């Protein structure tokens, strides 16, 4: 070994006794670095996974609200297609899909109307049960009798 050291010294490389195969510089991750990086990654993934159920519930609520609005629109349009004489004041309840559609026809109590008998109020409430809670959307419109 001394002969090799002297040969290295003779070549001008200094007094290096270890061959390059025994280089002590780190060239890979240590086990501690790997464990710490996996812990940080798992915390991030758990946080991201908790967001998905919240988004899914919000999406389901939005879908049910859209379906309820469509059910109310169908009810209002069917009432608007009826002749004026058949639109009697009162309340009707109907079941449609997972919704309870309540239709209320009343005479409006508005001031300053020239002829209040030519106007009726249509109120449609759509109720459904979601996530253990009762939810309701209410729509209100007016129907006017055509002049003859």
Protein backbone atom coordinates (compact mmCIF):
# COMPACT_ATOMS: atom_id res chain seq x y z
CA UNK A 1 0.00 0.00 0.00
CA UNK A 2 2.89 2.25 0.66
CA UNK A 3 4.18 1.66 -2.84
CA UNK A 4 0.84 2.76 -4.26
CA UNK A 5 0.84 5.88 -2.07
CA UNK A 6 4.30 6.82 -3.21
CA UNK A 7 3.31 6.21 -6.81
CA UNK A 8 0.30 8.56 -6.37
CA UNK A 9 2.57 11.14 -4.78
CA UNK A 10 4.92 10.83 -7.67
CA UNK A 11 2.09 11.57 -10.09
CA UNK A 12 1.30 14.80 -8.20
CA UNK A 13 -2.04 13.77 -6.74
CA UNK A 14 -1.16 14.28 -3.08
CA UNK A 15 -1.22 11.71 -0.31
CA UNK A 16 -4.44 9.97 -1.10
CA UNK A 17 -4.45 6.44 0.26
CA UNK A 18 -7.98 5.32 -0.65
CA UNK A 19 -8.84 4.26 -4.18
CA UNK A 20 -11.89 5.87 -5.82
CA UNK A 21 -14.04 2.77 -5.15
CA UNK A 22 -14.13 3.72 -1.45
CA UNK A 23 -15.30 7.30 -1.98
CA UNK A 24 -17.30 8.42 1.10
CA UNK A 25 -19.44 11.09 -0.62
CA UNK A 26 -23.20 10.26 -0.42
CA UNK A 27 -24.67 9.27 -3.78
CA UNK A 28 -28.19 8.17 -2.70
CA UNK A 29 -30.95 9.00 -0.19
CA UNK A 30 -30.52 7.78 3.34
CA UNK A 31 -33.29 5.87 5.07
CA UNK A 32 -34.11 8.83 7.34
CA UNK A 33 -34.51 11.16 4.35
CA UNK A 34 -36.78 8.63 2.68
CA UNK A 35 -38.99 8.25 5.79
CA UNK A 36 -39.28 12.03 6.24
CA UNK A 37 -40.20 12.58 2.59
CA UNK A 38 -42.83 9.81 2.75
CA UNK A 39 -44.33 11.35 5.90
CA UNK A 40 -44.61 14.77 4.21
CA UNK A 41 -46.12 13.19 1.10
CA UNK A 42 -48.68 11.21 3.13
CA UNK A 43 -49.80 14.33 5.03
CA UNK A 44 -50.37 16.10 1.71
CA UNK A 45 -52.26 13.16 0.24
CA UNK A 46 -54.51 12.81 3.29
CA UNK A 47 -55.33 16.51 3.10
CA UNK A 48 -56.17 16.21 -0.59
CA UNK A 49 -58.33 13.13 -0.02
CA UNK A 50 -60.45 14.98 2.55
CA UNK A 51 -61.47 17.51 -0.10
CA UNK A 52 -63.10 14.95 -2.41
CA UNK A 53 -66.13 14.05 -0.22
CA UNK A 54 -66.90 17.74 0.33
CA UNK A 55 -66.87 18.36 -3.41
CA UNK A 56 -69.01 15.29 -4.05
CA UNK A 57 -71.68 16.44 -1.57
CA UNK A 58 -71.71 19.93 -3.10
CA UNK A 59 -72.12 18.39 -6.54
CA UNK A 60 -75.05 16.26 -5.35
CA UNK A 61 -76.73 19.30 -3.76
CA UNK A 62 -76.34 21.26 -6.98
CA UNK A 63 -77.77 18.38 -9.00
CA UNK A 64 -80.82 18.10 -6.74
CA UNK A 65 -81.38 21.88 -6.84
CA UNK A 66 -81.24 21.82 -10.64
CA UNK A 67 -83.68 18.91 -10.79
CA UNK A 68 -86.02 20.72 -8.37
CA UNK A 69 -85.89 23.87 -10.52
CA UNK A 70 -86.79 21.79 -13.58
CA UNK A 71 -89.72 20.20 -11.74
CA UNK A 72 -90.97 23.66 -10.73
CA UNK A 73 -90.56 24.94 -14.27
CA UNK A 74 -92.61 22.02 -15.62
CA UNK A 75 -95.36 22.74 -13.07
CA UNK A 76 -95.45 26.45 -13.91
CA UNK A 77 -95.48 25.83 -17.66
CA UNK A 78 -98.29 23.31 -17.36
CA UNK A 79 -100.35 25.86 -15.40
CA UNK A 80 -99.64 28.60 -17.91
CA UNK A 81 -100.92 26.37 -20.73
CA UNK A 82 -104.28 25.92 -19.02
CA UNK A 83 -107.17 28.24 -19.89
CA UNK A 84 -107.74 31.13 -17.49
CA UNK A 85 -111.12 29.78 -16.33
CA UNK A 86 -109.56 26.53 -15.06
CA UNK A 87 -107.00 28.30 -12.85
CA UNK A 88 -108.95 28.15 -9.60
CA UNK A 89 -107.56 29.51 -6.37
CA UNK A 90 -106.26 26.84 -4.03
CA UNK A 91 -103.40 24.47 -3.37
CA UNK A 92 -102.44 21.14 -4.95
CA UNK A 93 -99.71 18.71 -3.94
CA UNK A 94 -98.08 16.24 -6.33
CA UNK A 95 -95.22 13.76 -6.05
CA UNK A 96 -92.69 13.86 -8.87
CA UNK A 97 -89.54 11.68 -8.73
CA UNK A 98 -88.05 12.36 -5.29
CA UNK A 99 -89.79 15.73 -4.97
CA UNK A 100 -93.01 17.01 -3.44
CA UNK A 101 -94.36 19.78 -5.67
CA UNK A 102 -96.87 22.12 -4.02
CA UNK A 103 -98.72 24.54 -6.30
CA UNK A 104 -100.63 27.47 -4.83
CA UNK A 105 -102.85 29.75 -6.94
CA UNK A 106 -104.00 32.98 -5.28
CA UNK A 107 -105.33 36.40 -6.13
CA UNK A 108 -102.51 38.93 -5.61
CA UNK A 109 -102.93 41.54 -2.90
CA UNK A 110 -101.15 44.34 -4.71
CA UNK A 111 -102.13 47.99 -4.49
CA UNK A 112 -102.61 50.26 -7.47
CA UNK A 113 -103.80 47.58 -9.88
CA UNK A 114 -106.27 48.83 -12.46
CA UNK A 115 -108.06 45.46 -12.65
CA UNK A 116 -106.90 42.94 -9.99
CA UNK A 117 -109.25 40.27 -11.32
CA UNK A 118 -107.05 39.89 -14.43
CA UNK A 119 -104.02 38.70 -12.44
CA UNK A 120 -103.27 35.51 -10.50
CA UNK A 121 -100.23 34.49 -8.49
CA UNK A 122 -98.67 31.07 -9.10
CA UNK A 123 -96.41 29.85 -6.32
CA UNK A 124 -94.61 26.52 -6.75
CA UNK A 125 -92.65 25.00 -3.86
CA UNK A 126 -90.49 21.95 -4.43
CA UNK A 127 -89.41 19.96 -1.37
CA UNK A 128 -87.02 17.03 -1.06
CA UNK A 129 -84.94 15.26 1.55
CA UNK A 130 -81.16 15.31 1.19
CA UNK A 131 -78.43 14.47 3.70
CA UNK A 132 -81.10 14.03 6.37
CA UNK A 133 -82.38 17.58 5.90
CA UNK A 134 -85.54 18.86 4.25
CA UNK A 135 -84.76 21.27 1.45
CA UNK A 136 -87.18 23.62 -0.32
CA UNK A 137 -87.09 25.82 -3.40
CA UNK A 138 -89.97 28.25 -3.99
CA UNK A 139 -90.80 29.95 -7.29
CA UNK A 140 -93.33 32.72 -7.77
CA UNK A 141 -94.80 34.10 -10.98
CA UNK A 142 -97.89 35.99 -12.15
CA UNK A 143 -100.35 35.02 -14.88
CA UNK A 144 -102.38 37.66 -16.67
CA UNK A 145 -105.72 37.12 -18.38
CA UNK A 146 -105.72 38.27 -21.96
CA UNK A 147 -108.10 41.07 -22.86
CA UNK A 148 -110.95 40.09 -25.15
